[in-house]
Amino acid sequence: MTTPVSRRINSIKHIIIVCSGKGGVGKSSVATQLALSLHASAPNVHVGLLDVDLTGPSLPRMLGLDGHGIHQSSDGWVPVYADAHGQSVPRLACMSIGFLLKNRGDSVVWRGPKKNAMIRQFLSDVRWGELDYLIIDTPPGTSDEHLSLLEHLAPVHSRLSAVIVTTPQAVALLDAIKCLSFTPAVGLPVLGVIENMSGYVCPCCGEVSNVFSTGGGEEMAKREGLPFLGRMPLDPELVTLLDAAEPPGETGGGQERKSFEVIERYQKTTSAKLFAAIVAKVADTIGAVQVAELGIQTR
């Protein structure tokens, strides 16, 4: 069945939904790093980053795009490009409710139907163009936003997959298992598990130390029969980079290049080097998952 959403996103090859069982596990930073690392993986890879955490949008701030607005064209909303001030064609398109708020401190107090309408508009009205990957950052848990996404993306279900983010602590793992039980219930294939905040990167020498517990996410992945994509430590350099992306008016000029500087500086961090291995596993896994999904649907 053809829908406005399916017509718009028909030119998107892979859609990856980033999920977590609870808040505070660094899901948005993982989604951001996934988009940045895929963008850097090849000069011809086009990536979209969609923020459907409607009540807590954080991607504009992380990418240095706070304060940017959305422009309307004859073909729909034009996404904000994080690499628009580079030397080549922009390849990292971003969309978030944060771009539509008059003040970035405004709260979004919406019931389910209005959230559902906003998500549908993000998918059907944004001029995404041809993308190799669309990364979708979702709220914690399994809520209206997840169900709305899967409902609107049903016509392209074979292109969907999920990445589960957890921390190694027992409480986070319990909630991650609940998130995992949601994915088979809705027929959403899981690419694998990322164990975030596992260890600590020394800001002086770059060595990773296991200050806190580690290995919980990997153990859960083995137990559930899922690929373990890798672990990411706490990296002060990454935290400083994503937190330092001030909105216009706070830096005294030069904001038009801030987002592009974030992309360039990220590639020099320890986290970027570690995440490159995760992206390689995602790229290897996603093809096999989608082939399997197509096989199931044609039976």
C-alpha atoms as a PDB file:
ATOM      1  CA  MET A   1       0.000   0.000   0.000  1.00  0.00           C
ATOM      2  CA  THR A   2       1.349   3.412  -1.004  1.00  0.00           C
ATOM      3  CA  THR A   3       1.158   6.175   1.611  1.00  0.00           C
ATOM      4  CA  PRO A   4       2.567   9.724   1.803  1.00  0.00           C
ATOM      5  CA  VAL A   5       5.262   8.346   4.140  1.00  0.00           C
ATOM      6  CA  SER A   6       6.226   5.463   1.853  1.00  0.00           C
ATOM      7  CA  ARG A   7       6.437   7.793  -1.152  1.00  0.00           C
ATOM      8  CA  ARG A   8       8.708  10.182   0.732  1.00  0.00           C
ATOM      9  CA  ILE A   9      11.089   7.618   2.220  1.00  0.00           C
ATOM     10  CA  ASN A  10      11.158   5.240  -0.722  1.00  0.00           C
ATOM     11  CA  SER A  11      14.649   6.479  -1.581  1.00  0.00           C
ATOM     12  CA  ILE A  12      16.060   5.646   1.882  1.00  0.00           C
ATOM     13  CA  LYS A  13      17.998   2.356   1.853  1.00  0.00           C
ATOM     14  CA  HIS A  14      18.347   1.582   5.567  1.00  0.00           C
ATOM     15  CA  ILE A  15      16.434   2.859   8.608  1.00  0.00           C
ATOM     16  CA  ILE A  16      18.027   2.246  12.022  1.00  0.00           C
ATOM     17  CA  ILE A  17      15.958   2.910  15.157  1.00  0.00           C
ATOM     18  CA  VAL A  18      18.104   3.550  18.243  1.00  0.00           C
ATOM     19  CA  CYS A  19      16.343   2.291  21.387  1.00  0.00           C
ATOM     20  CA  SER A  20      17.035   1.965  25.091  1.00  0.00           C
ATOM     21  CA  GLY A  21      15.106   0.456  27.955  1.00  0.00           C
ATOM     22  CA  LYS A  22      15.637   3.468  30.206  1.00  0.00           C
ATOM     23  CA  GLY A  23      16.848   7.044  30.119  1.00  0.00           C
ATOM     24  CA  GLY A  24      20.332   8.197  31.047  1.00  0.00           C
ATOM     25  CA  VAL A  25      22.239   5.503  29.147  1.00  0.00           C
ATOM     26  CA  GLY A  26      23.547   7.891  26.473  1.00  0.00           C
ATOM     27  CA  LYS A  27      21.187   6.805  23.691  1.00  0.00           C
ATOM     28  CA  SER A  28      21.151  10.220  21.984  1.00  0.00           C
ATOM     29  CA  SER A  29      24.945  10.461  22.043  1.00  0.00           C
ATOM     30  CA  VAL A  30      25.137   6.958  20.526  1.00  0.00           C
ATOM     31  CA  ALA A  31      22.648   7.952  17.800  1.00  0.00           C
ATOM     32  CA  THR A  32      24.707  11.075  17.102  1.00  0.00           C
ATOM     33  CA  GLN A  33      27.960   9.116  16.943  1.00  0.00           C
ATOM     34  CA  LEU A  34      26.369   6.511  14.697  1.00  0.00           C
ATOM     35  CA  ALA A  35      25.314   9.237  12.258  1.00  0.00           C
ATOM     36  CA  LEU A  36      28.698  11.003  12.411  1.00  0.00           C
ATOM     37  CA  SER A  37      30.649   7.760  11.963  1.00  0.00           C
ATOM     38  CA  LEU A  38      28.506   6.580   9.042  1.00  0.00           C
ATOM     39  CA  HIS A  39      28.931  10.031   7.472  1.00  0.00           C
ATOM     40  CA  ALA A  40      32.717   9.676   7.802  1.00  0.00           C
ATOM     41  CA  SER A  41      32.820   6.059   6.608  1.00  0.00           C
ATOM     42  CA  ALA A  42      32.846   7.030   2.915  1.00  0.00           C
ATOM     43  CA  PRO A  43      32.743  10.314   0.954  1.00  0.00           C
ATOM     44  CA  ASN A  44      29.575   9.307  -0.889  1.00  0.00           C
ATOM     45  CA  VAL A  45      27.468   8.100   2.072  1.00  0.00           C
ATOM     46  CA  HIS A  46      24.370  10.220   2.752  1.00  0.00           C
ATOM     47  CA  VAL A  47      22.927  10.077   6.278  1.00  0.00           C
ATOM     48  CA  GLY A  48      19.772  11.414   7.908  1.00  0.00           C
ATOM     49  CA  LEU A  49      19.307  11.895  11.657  1.00  0.00           C
ATOM     50  CA  LEU A  50      15.735  12.135  12.951  1.00  0.00           C
ATOM     51  CA  ASP A  51      15.011  13.052  16.582  1.00  0.00           C
ATOM     52  CA  VAL A  52      11.601  11.728  17.684  1.00  0.00           C
ATOM     53  CA  ASP A  53      12.290  12.264  21.373  1.00  0.00           C
ATOM     54  CA  LEU A  54       9.657  14.990  21.202  1.00  0.00           C
ATOM     55  CA  THR A  55       9.679  16.003  24.873  1.00  0.00           C
ATOM     56  CA  GLY A  56      13.463  15.967  25.234  1.00  0.00           C
ATOM     57  CA  PRO A  57      15.140  16.888  21.919  1.00  0.00           C
ATOM     58  CA  SER A  58      18.905  17.011  22.358  1.00  0.00           C
ATOM     59  CA  LEU A  59      20.371  16.381  18.896  1.00  0.00           C
ATOM     60  CA  PRO A  60      20.332  20.055  17.783  1.00  0.00           C
ATOM     61  CA  ARG A  61      22.514  20.981  20.759  1.00  0.00           C
ATOM     62  CA  MET A  62      24.887  18.040  20.317  1.00  0.00           C
ATOM     63  CA  LEU A  63      25.523  18.885  16.667  1.00  0.00           C
ATOM     64  CA  GLY A  64      25.883  22.636  17.193  1.00  0.00           C
ATOM     65  CA  LEU A  65      22.607  23.308  15.375  1.00  0.00           C
ATOM     66  CA  ASP A  66      20.652  24.921  18.211  1.00  0.00           C
ATOM     67  CA  GLY A  67      18.866  28.044  16.992  1.00  0.00           C
ATOM     68  CA  HIS A  68      18.552  26.906  13.392  1.00  0.00           C
ATOM     69  CA  GLY A  69      15.068  27.014  11.866  1.00  0.00           C
ATOM     70  CA  ILE A  70      13.256  24.867   9.329  1.00  0.00           C
ATOM     71  CA  HIS A  71      12.597  26.259   5.844  1.00  0.00           C
ATOM     72  CA  GLN A  72       9.556  25.341   3.783  1.00  0.00           C
ATOM     73  CA  SER A  73      10.035  24.534   0.111  1.00  0.00           C
ATOM     74  CA  SER A  74       7.568  23.553  -2.606  1.00  0.00           C
ATOM     75  CA  ASP A  75       8.596  19.941  -1.934  1.00  0.00           C
ATOM     76  CA  GLY A  76       8.261  20.042   1.862  1.00  0.00           C
ATOM     77  CA  TRP A  77      10.382  20.919   4.881  1.00  0.00           C
ATOM     78  CA  VAL A  78      14.103  21.261   4.212  1.00  0.00           C
ATOM     79  CA  PRO A  79      16.156  19.479   6.891  1.00  0.00           C
ATOM     80  CA  VAL A  80      19.053  21.219   8.607  1.00  0.00           C
ATOM     81  CA  TYR A  81      22.389  20.019   7.240  1.00  0.00           C
ATOM     82  CA  ALA A  82      25.116  19.624   9.842  1.00  0.00           C
ATOM     83  CA  ASP A  83      27.821  19.700   7.163  1.00  0.00           C
ATOM     84  CA  ALA A  84      26.373  22.535   5.080  1.00  0.00           C
ATOM     85  CA  HIS A  85      29.514  24.652   5.386  1.00  0.00           C
ATOM     86  CA  GLY A  86      31.934  22.011   4.146  1.00  0.00           C
ATOM     87  CA  GLN A  87      33.620  21.964   0.766  1.00  0.00           C
ATOM     88  CA  SER A  88      31.298  19.395  -0.854  1.00  0.00           C
ATOM     89  CA  VAL A  89      27.610  18.506  -1.200  1.00  0.00           C
ATOM     90  CA  PRO A  90      25.939  18.275   2.269  1.00  0.00           C
ATOM     91  CA  ARG A  91      25.456  14.660   3.351  1.00  0.00           C
ATOM     92  CA  LEU A  92      24.186  14.828   6.954  1.00  0.00           C
ATOM     93  CA  ALA A  93      20.526  15.909   7.155  1.00  0.00           C
ATOM     94  CA  CYS A  94      18.955  16.505  10.592  1.00  0.00           C
ATOM     95  CA  MET A  95      15.382  17.023  11.801  1.00  0.00           C
ATOM     96  CA  SER A  96      14.117  17.606  15.334  1.00  0.00           C
ATOM     97  CA  ILE A  97      11.223  19.240  17.149  1.00  0.00           C
ATOM     98  CA  GLY A  98      13.952  21.435  18.640  1.00  0.00           C
ATOM     99  CA  PHE A  99      14.167  23.313  15.326  1.00  0.00           C
ATOM    100  CA  LEU A 100      10.463  24.205  15.553  1.00  0.00           C
ATOM    101  CA  LEU A 101      10.376  25.626  19.091  1.00  0.00           C
ATOM    102  CA  LYS A 102      10.377  29.413  19.501  1.00  0.00           C
ATOM    103  CA  ASN A 103      12.558  29.124  22.597  1.00  0.00           C
ATOM    104  CA  ARG A 104      14.813  26.130  23.218  1.00  0.00           C
ATOM    105  CA  GLY A 105      13.655  26.074  26.853  1.00  0.00           C
ATOM    106  CA  ASP A 106       9.988  25.609  25.910  1.00  0.00           C
ATOM    107  CA  SER A 107       8.404  22.352  27.052  1.00  0.00           C
ATOM    108  CA  VAL A 108       6.453  20.085  24.716  1.00  0.00           C
ATOM    109  CA  VAL A 109       3.303  18.940  26.521  1.00  0.00           C
ATOM    110  CA  TRP A 110       1.478  16.747  24.036  1.00  0.00           C
ATOM    111  CA  ARG A 111      -0.825  13.765  24.236  1.00  0.00           C
ATOM    112  CA  GLY A 112      -0.360  10.685  22.060  1.00  0.00           C
ATOM    113  CA  PRO A 113      -2.406  11.776  18.995  1.00  0.00           C
ATOM    114  CA  LYS A 114      -0.415  14.993  18.564  1.00  0.00           C
ATOM    115  CA  LYS A 115       2.882  13.103  18.927  1.00  0.00           C
ATOM    116  CA  ASN A 116       1.683  10.647  16.308  1.00  0.00           C
ATOM    117  CA  ALA A 117       0.811  13.494  13.909  1.00  0.00           C
ATOM    118  CA  MET A 118       4.233  15.117  14.405  1.00  0.00           C
ATOM    119  CA  ILE A 119       6.093  11.880  13.709  1.00  0.00           C
ATOM    120  CA  ARG A 120       4.007  11.306  10.577  1.00  0.00           C
ATOM    121  CA  GLN A 121       4.880  14.824   9.434  1.00  0.00           C
ATOM    122  CA  PHE A 122       8.589  14.253  10.052  1.00  0.00           C
ATOM    123  CA  LEU A 123       8.438  11.188   7.820  1.00  0.00           C
ATOM    124  CA  SER A 124       6.078  12.421   5.089  1.00  0.00           C
ATOM    125  CA  ASP A 125       6.792  16.163   4.845  1.00  0.00           C
ATOM    126  CA  VAL A 126      10.578  16.392   5.247  1.00  0.00           C
ATOM    127  CA  ARG A 127      12.564  16.473   2.011  1.00  0.00           C
ATOM    128  CA  TRP A 128      14.996  13.705   2.980  1.00  0.00           C
ATOM    129  CA  GLY A 129      16.139  12.941  -0.548  1.00  0.00           C
ATOM    130  CA  GLU A 130      18.236   9.865  -1.302  1.00  0.00           C
ATOM    131  CA  LEU A 131      19.804   8.501   1.880  1.00  0.00           C
ATOM    132  CA  ASP A 132      21.930   5.466   2.588  1.00  0.00           C
ATOM    133  CA  TYR A 133      20.965   5.548   6.259  1.00  0.00           C
ATOM    134  CA  LEU A 134      18.283   7.232   8.346  1.00  0.00           C
ATOM    135  CA  ILE A 135      19.120   7.084  12.062  1.00  0.00           C
ATOM    136  CA  ILE A 136      16.114   7.621  14.352  1.00  0.00           C
ATOM    137  CA  ASP A 137      16.708   8.620  17.970  1.00  0.00           C
ATOM    138  CA  THR A 138      13.722   7.540  20.080  1.00  0.00           C
ATOM    139  CA  PRO A 139      12.632   8.243  23.676  1.00  0.00           C
ATOM    140  CA  PRO A 140      13.540   5.754  26.424  1.00  0.00           C
ATOM    141  CA  GLY A 141      11.363   2.690  26.848  1.00  0.00           C
ATOM    142  CA  THR A 142       8.611   1.538  24.485  1.00  0.00           C
ATOM    143  CA  SER A 143       5.981   4.226  24.134  1.00  0.00           C
ATOM    144  CA  ASP A 144       3.621   5.984  21.711  1.00  0.00           C
ATOM    145  CA  GLU A 145       6.531   7.264  19.648  1.00  0.00           C
ATOM    146  CA  HIS A 146       7.805   3.750  18.904  1.00  0.00           C
ATOM    147  CA  LEU A 147       4.377   2.442  17.963  1.00  0.00           C
ATOM    148  CA  SER A 148       3.731   5.482  15.736  1.00  0.00           C
ATOM    149  CA  LEU A 149       7.066   5.005  13.976  1.00  0.00           C
ATOM    150  CA  LEU A 150       6.432   1.348  13.234  1.00  0.00           C
ATOM    151  CA  GLU A 151       2.885   2.058  12.079  1.00  0.00           C
ATOM    152  CA  HIS A 152       3.946   4.758   9.608  1.00  0.00           C
ATOM    153  CA  LEU A 153       7.012   2.803   8.437  1.00  0.00           C
ATOM    154  CA  ALA A 154       5.089  -0.439   7.861  1.00  0.00           C
ATOM    155  CA  PRO A 155       5.224  -0.116   4.024  1.00  0.00           C
ATOM    156  CA  VAL A 156       9.054  -0.206   4.185  1.00  0.00           C
ATOM    157  CA  HIS A 157       9.321  -2.702   7.042  1.00  0.00           C
ATOM    158  CA  SER A 158      12.036  -4.713   5.293  1.00  0.00           C
ATOM    159  CA  ARG A 159      14.395  -1.730   5.605  1.00  0.00           C
ATOM    160  CA  LEU A 160      13.913  -1.338   9.366  1.00  0.00           C
ATOM    161  CA  SER A 161      16.253  -2.501  12.100  1.00  0.00           C
ATOM    162  CA  ALA A 162      17.103  -1.492  15.656  1.00  0.00           C
ATOM    163  CA  VAL A 163      20.151  -0.958  17.828  1.00  0.00           C
ATOM    164  CA  ILE A 164      19.752  -1.435  21.591  1.00  0.00           C
ATOM    165  CA  VAL A 165      21.793   0.818  23.896  1.00  0.00           C
ATOM    166  CA  THR A 166      22.444  -0.098  27.518  1.00  0.00           C
ATOM    167  CA  THR A 167      24.972   0.501  30.264  1.00  0.00           C
ATOM    168  CA  PRO A 168      26.632  -2.459  32.016  1.00  0.00           C
ATOM    169  CA  GLN A 169      24.806  -1.941  35.341  1.00  0.00           C
ATOM    170  CA  ALA A 170      22.191  -4.496  36.395  1.00  0.00           C
ATOM    171  CA  VAL A 171      19.304  -1.983  36.619  1.00  0.00           C
ATOM    172  CA  ALA A 172      19.897  -0.761  33.054  1.00  0.00           C
ATOM    173  CA  LEU A 173      20.167  -4.335  31.790  1.00  0.00           C
ATOM    174  CA  LEU A 174      16.799  -5.247  33.296  1.00  0.00           C
ATOM    175  CA  ASP A 175      15.157  -2.401  31.380  1.00  0.00           C
ATOM    176  CA  ALA A 176      17.095  -3.254  28.203  1.00  0.00           C
ATOM    177  CA  ILE A 177      15.675  -6.781  28.310  1.00  0.00           C
ATOM    178  CA  LYS A 178      12.165  -5.282  28.373  1.00  0.00           C
ATOM    179  CA  CYS A 179      13.076  -3.280  25.281  1.00  0.00           C
ATOM    180  CA  LEU A 180      14.371  -6.470  23.647  1.00  0.00           C
ATOM    181  CA  SER A 181      11.082  -8.247  24.340  1.00  0.00           C
ATOM    182  CA  PHE A 182       9.304  -5.413  22.486  1.00  0.00           C
ATOM    183  CA  THR A 183      11.226  -5.894  19.227  1.00  0.00           C
ATOM    184  CA  PRO A 184      10.036  -9.436  18.354  1.00  0.00           C
ATOM    185  CA  ALA A 185       6.495  -8.510  19.399  1.00  0.00           C
ATOM    186  CA  VAL A 186       6.413  -5.886  16.630  1.00  0.00           C
ATOM    187  CA  GLY A 187       8.628  -7.782  14.173  1.00  0.00           C
ATOM    188  CA  LEU A 188      11.563  -5.356  14.432  1.00  0.00           C
ATOM    189  CA  PRO A 189      14.931  -7.036  13.751  1.00  0.00           C
ATOM    190  CA  VAL A 190      17.786  -6.088  16.092  1.00  0.00           C
ATOM    191  CA  LEU A 191      21.226  -5.408  14.631  1.00  0.00           C
ATOM    192  CA  GLY A 192      22.862  -5.764  18.018  1.00  0.00           C
ATOM    193  CA  VAL A 193      23.623  -4.318  21.432  1.00  0.00           C
ATOM    194  CA  ILE A 194      25.938  -1.414  22.287  1.00  0.00           C
ATOM    195  CA  GLU A 195      27.253  -1.266  25.840  1.00  0.00           C
ATOM    196  CA  ASN A 196      27.684   2.439  26.585  1.00  0.00           C
ATOM    197  CA  MET A 197      29.534   4.103  29.488  1.00  0.00           C
ATOM    198  CA  SER A 198      31.686   1.004  29.863  1.00  0.00           C
ATOM    199  CA  GLY A 199      34.987   2.167  31.309  1.00  0.00           C
ATOM    200  CA  TYR A 200      36.564   5.613  31.347  1.00  0.00           C
ATOM    201  CA  VAL A 201      38.916   7.277  28.866  1.00  0.00           C
ATOM    202  CA  CYS A 202      41.798   9.087  30.570  1.00  0.00           C
ATOM    203  CA  PRO A 203      41.839  12.666  29.213  1.00  0.00           C
ATOM    204  CA  CYS A 204      45.639  12.747  29.481  1.00  0.00           C
ATOM    205  CA  CYS A 205      46.828   9.507  27.884  1.00  0.00           C
ATOM    206  CA  GLY A 206      43.649   8.128  26.263  1.00  0.00           C
ATOM    207  CA  GLU A 207      43.870   4.789  28.089  1.00  0.00           C
ATOM    208  CA  VAL A 208      40.533   3.129  28.895  1.00  0.00           C
ATOM    209  CA  SER A 209      40.115   2.012  32.518  1.00  0.00           C
ATOM    210  CA  ASN A 210      37.244  -0.039  33.929  1.00  0.00           C
ATOM    211  CA  VAL A 211      36.330   2.237  36.807  1.00  0.00           C
ATOM    212  CA  PHE A 212      32.756   0.940  36.894  1.00  0.00           C
ATOM    213  CA  SER A 213      31.307  -2.472  35.996  1.00  0.00           C
ATOM    214  CA  THR A 214      31.765  -3.691  32.448  1.00  0.00           C
ATOM    215  CA  GLY A 215      30.680  -6.601  30.280  1.00  0.00           C
ATOM    216  CA  GLY A 216      26.984  -6.644  31.257  1.00  0.00           C
ATOM    217  CA  GLY A 217      25.758  -5.656  27.817  1.00  0.00           C
ATOM    218  CA  GLU A 218      27.944  -8.234  26.099  1.00  0.00           C
ATOM    219  CA  GLU A 219      26.720 -10.968  28.432  1.00  0.00           C
ATOM    220  CA  MET A 220      23.091  -9.979  27.774  1.00  0.00           C
ATOM    221  CA  ALA A 221      23.661 -10.065  24.011  1.00  0.00           C
ATOM    222  CA  LYS A 222      25.118 -13.585  24.234  1.00  0.00           C
ATOM    223  CA  ARG A 223      22.240 -14.754  26.418  1.00  0.00           C
ATOM    224  CA  GLU A 224      19.636 -13.343  24.007  1.00  0.00           C
ATOM    225  CA  GLY A 225      21.438 -14.613  20.903  1.00  0.00           C
ATOM    226  CA  LEU A 226      22.133 -11.128  19.530  1.00  0.00           C
ATOM    227  CA  PRO A 227      25.282  -9.639  18.006  1.00  0.00           C
ATOM    228  CA  PHE A 228      27.366  -7.576  20.404  1.00  0.00           C
ATOM    229  CA  LEU A 229      28.373  -4.464  18.458  1.00  0.00           C
ATOM    230  CA  GLY A 230      30.862  -3.132  20.990  1.00  0.00           C
ATOM    231  CA  ARG A 231      31.343  -1.080  24.131  1.00  0.00           C
ATOM    232  CA  MET A 232      31.891   2.656  24.442  1.00  0.00           C
ATOM    233  CA  PRO A 233      33.637   4.182  27.470  1.00  0.00           C
ATOM    234  CA  LEU A 234      32.942   7.497  29.145  1.00  0.00           C
ATOM    235  CA  ASP A 235      35.014   9.962  27.142  1.00  0.00           C
ATOM    236  CA  PRO A 236      35.510  13.448  28.666  1.00  0.00           C
ATOM    237  CA  GLU A 237      36.665  14.733  25.275  1.00  0.00           C
ATOM    238  CA  LEU A 238      33.393  13.663  23.665  1.00  0.00           C
ATOM    239  CA  VAL A 239      31.308  15.120  26.501  1.00  0.00           C
ATOM    240  CA  THR A 240      33.127  18.435  26.192  1.00  0.00           C
ATOM    241  CA  LEU A 241      32.660  18.472  22.417  1.00  0.00           C
ATOM    242  CA  LEU A 242      28.913  17.757  22.459  1.00  0.00           C
ATOM    243  CA  ASP A 243      28.245  20.091  25.395  1.00  0.00           C
ATOM    244  CA  ALA A 244      30.274  22.954  23.944  1.00  0.00           C
ATOM    245  CA  ALA A 245      28.088  23.451  20.866  1.00  0.00           C
ATOM    246  CA  GLU A 246      26.579  26.782  21.949  1.00  0.00           C
ATOM    247  CA  PRO A 247      23.537  28.230  20.193  1.00  0.00           C
ATOM    248  CA  PRO A 248      23.748  31.548  18.314  1.00  0.00           C
ATOM    249  CA  GLY A 249      24.426  34.541  20.484  1.00  0.00           C
ATOM    250  CA  GLU A 250      26.487  32.682  23.090  1.00  0.00           C
ATOM    251  CA  THR A 251      29.763  32.544  21.209  1.00  0.00           C
ATOM    252  CA  GLY A 252      30.019  36.020  19.719  1.00  0.00           C
ATOM    253  CA  GLY A 253      29.948  35.005  16.063  1.00  0.00           C
ATOM    254  CA  GLY A 254      31.087  32.183  13.841  1.00  0.00           C
ATOM    255  CA  GLN A 255      28.105  30.005  14.710  1.00  0.00           C
ATOM    256  CA  GLU A 256      27.422  29.241  11.049  1.00  0.00           C
ATOM    257  CA  ARG A 257      30.423  26.888  11.074  1.00  0.00           C
ATOM    258  CA  LYS A 258      29.882  25.431  14.547  1.00  0.00           C
ATOM    259  CA  SER A 259      28.108  22.258  13.364  1.00  0.00           C
ATOM    260  CA  PHE A 260      30.784  21.544  10.754  1.00  0.00           C
ATOM    261  CA  GLU A 261      33.471  22.030  13.409  1.00  0.00           C
ATOM    262  CA  VAL A 262      31.717  19.450  15.597  1.00  0.00           C
ATOM    263  CA  ILE A 263      31.958  16.921  12.749  1.00  0.00           C
ATOM    264  CA  GLU A 264      35.640  17.659  12.161  1.00  0.00           C
ATOM    265  CA  ARG A 265      36.589  17.613  15.844  1.00  0.00           C
ATOM    266  CA  TYR A 266      34.645  14.422  16.540  1.00  0.00           C
ATOM    267  CA  GLN A 267      36.852  12.469  14.130  1.00  0.00           C
ATOM    268  CA  LYS A 268      39.872  13.310  16.314  1.00  0.00           C
ATOM    269  CA  THR A 269      38.376  11.910  19.531  1.00  0.00           C
ATOM    270  CA  THR A 270      39.081   8.509  21.065  1.00  0.00           C
ATOM    271  CA  SER A 271      35.351   7.761  20.820  1.00  0.00           C
ATOM    272  CA  ALA A 272      35.400   8.183  17.016  1.00  0.00           C
ATOM    273  CA  LYS A 273      38.171   5.608  16.678  1.00  0.00           C
ATOM    274  CA  LEU A 274      36.301   3.122  18.883  1.00  0.00           C
ATOM    275  CA  PHE A 275      32.950   3.750  17.200  1.00  0.00           C
ATOM    276  CA  ALA A 276      34.414   3.076  13.748  1.00  0.00           C
ATOM    277  CA  ALA A 277      34.579  -0.624  14.680  1.00  0.00           C
ATOM    278  CA  ILE A 278      30.912  -0.551  15.753  1.00  0.00           C
ATOM    279  CA  VAL A 279      29.889   1.062  12.448  1.00  0.00           C
ATOM    280  CA  ALA A 280      31.761  -1.641  10.527  1.00  0.00           C
ATOM    281  CA  LYS A 281      29.768  -4.312  12.386  1.00  0.00           C
ATOM    282  CA  VAL A 282      26.508  -2.437  11.760  1.00  0.00           C
ATOM    283  CA  ALA A 283      27.262  -2.234   8.034  1.00  0.00           C
ATOM    284  CA  ASP A 284      28.077  -5.952   7.900  1.00  0.00           C
ATOM    285  CA  THR A 285      25.013  -6.979   9.908  1.00  0.00           C
ATOM    286  CA  ILE A 286      22.375  -4.763   8.304  1.00  0.00           C
ATOM    287  CA  GLY A 287      22.611  -6.383   4.887  1.00  0.00           C
ATOM    288  CA  ALA A 288      22.156  -9.901   6.274  1.00  0.00           C
ATOM    289  CA  VAL A 289      19.223  -8.784   8.440  1.00  0.00           C
ATOM    290  CA  GLN A 290      17.391  -7.155   5.538  1.00  0.00           C
ATOM    291  CA  VAL A 291      17.934 -10.139   3.242  1.00  0.00           C
ATOM    292  CA  ALA A 292      16.450 -12.365   5.951  1.00  0.00           C
ATOM    293  CA  GLU A 293      13.477 -10.013   6.351  1.00  0.00           C
ATOM    294  CA  LEU A 294      12.792 -10.019   2.623  1.00  0.00           C
ATOM    295  CA  GLY A 295      12.924 -13.826   2.650  1.00  0.00           C
ATOM    296  CA  ILE A 296      10.344 -13.976   5.448  1.00  0.00           C
ATOM    297  CA  GLN A 297       8.010 -11.557   3.673  1.00  0.00           C
ATOM    298  CA  THR A 298       8.097 -13.444   0.358  1.00  0.00           C
ATOM    299  CA  ARG A 299       7.211 -16.814   1.856  1.00  0.00           C
END
